[in-house]
Amino acid sequence: MAKCPVCETQHTENNIETCSVCGYDLTPYPPVLGQIPPEFLEKEKKRILAAKRVWERSQIKVAEAEAIASKFQSKREENSMISSSDWNYTKLIDFLESGNWKAADEETARMMLAVAGRTLEGYLNADDIEKFPCEDLRIIDHLWVKYSNGRFGFSVQKQIYLNCGGKPDSNFPSDTIWYKFTDEVGWRVNESFIDVDGIKYDFGASRGHLPSFWFGFWGVWVRSSLAQRLVNCSI
């Protein structure tokens, strides 16, 4: 039995293409003639190390998400999941619990626009992100992390963004950083951005692929602001 280099889950070598737990690409390298260039091996080591950091951080977030969710268990019987700012997240929990990722994605967008008072506009700008209530952002993130076992969530996206060289300073990231990030989360494939129909709503999606509320031409403008807000909110 072989082990995934990221989460160390055992699997039958050459029998699967993607790790069932962390989603790491396990496709074997094609046979090559001669020695593999050292620079390629070094780059691969760095890529695996970065993936391991994201995985380890996500597992910490899973534990934190479990703790946050436990605070609401008594309210669950009353069919309510309400933050102190009076927003109800019961529908989001229902969708996430049932694995209905598309409905959960749409509910996340609906709730965030409502919380920010931007339902009519249909999008959030940097100022909206800066003022977004920490508790509500924390609840949404922890629910995604909890029910995806650390695969999806804003904090997962934040860690990937930082690993790609992004800075939580509200500044527009360079094209290189943005392309690298969108490649990692699967919003760009073969150097082309996917369209809305290309969003994957299953565990075959790349780590950080969801929520996809930030996906689109304006997502780059708020990515650094979101990372900064997550840091400020200790998420």
Foldseek 3Di string as FASTA:
>chain_A
DAADLAPGDDDDQPPDQADPQQGDGRHDDDDDPDDDDPVVVVVVVLVSVLSNVLLVVLLVLLVVLVVVVVVCPVVVVVLFDADPVGDTCSVLLVCLQVLVQVVNLVVVQCRLCVQLVNNVVSADALVSLQPRDLVVLSNSQSSNSNSSVSQEGLVSLLSLLVSLVAALPLDQDDPSSVQSSCVQQVQADPNHGDDPVPQDSDPNGGRHSPPCSLDDDCSSNCSSSNSNSCVVSVD
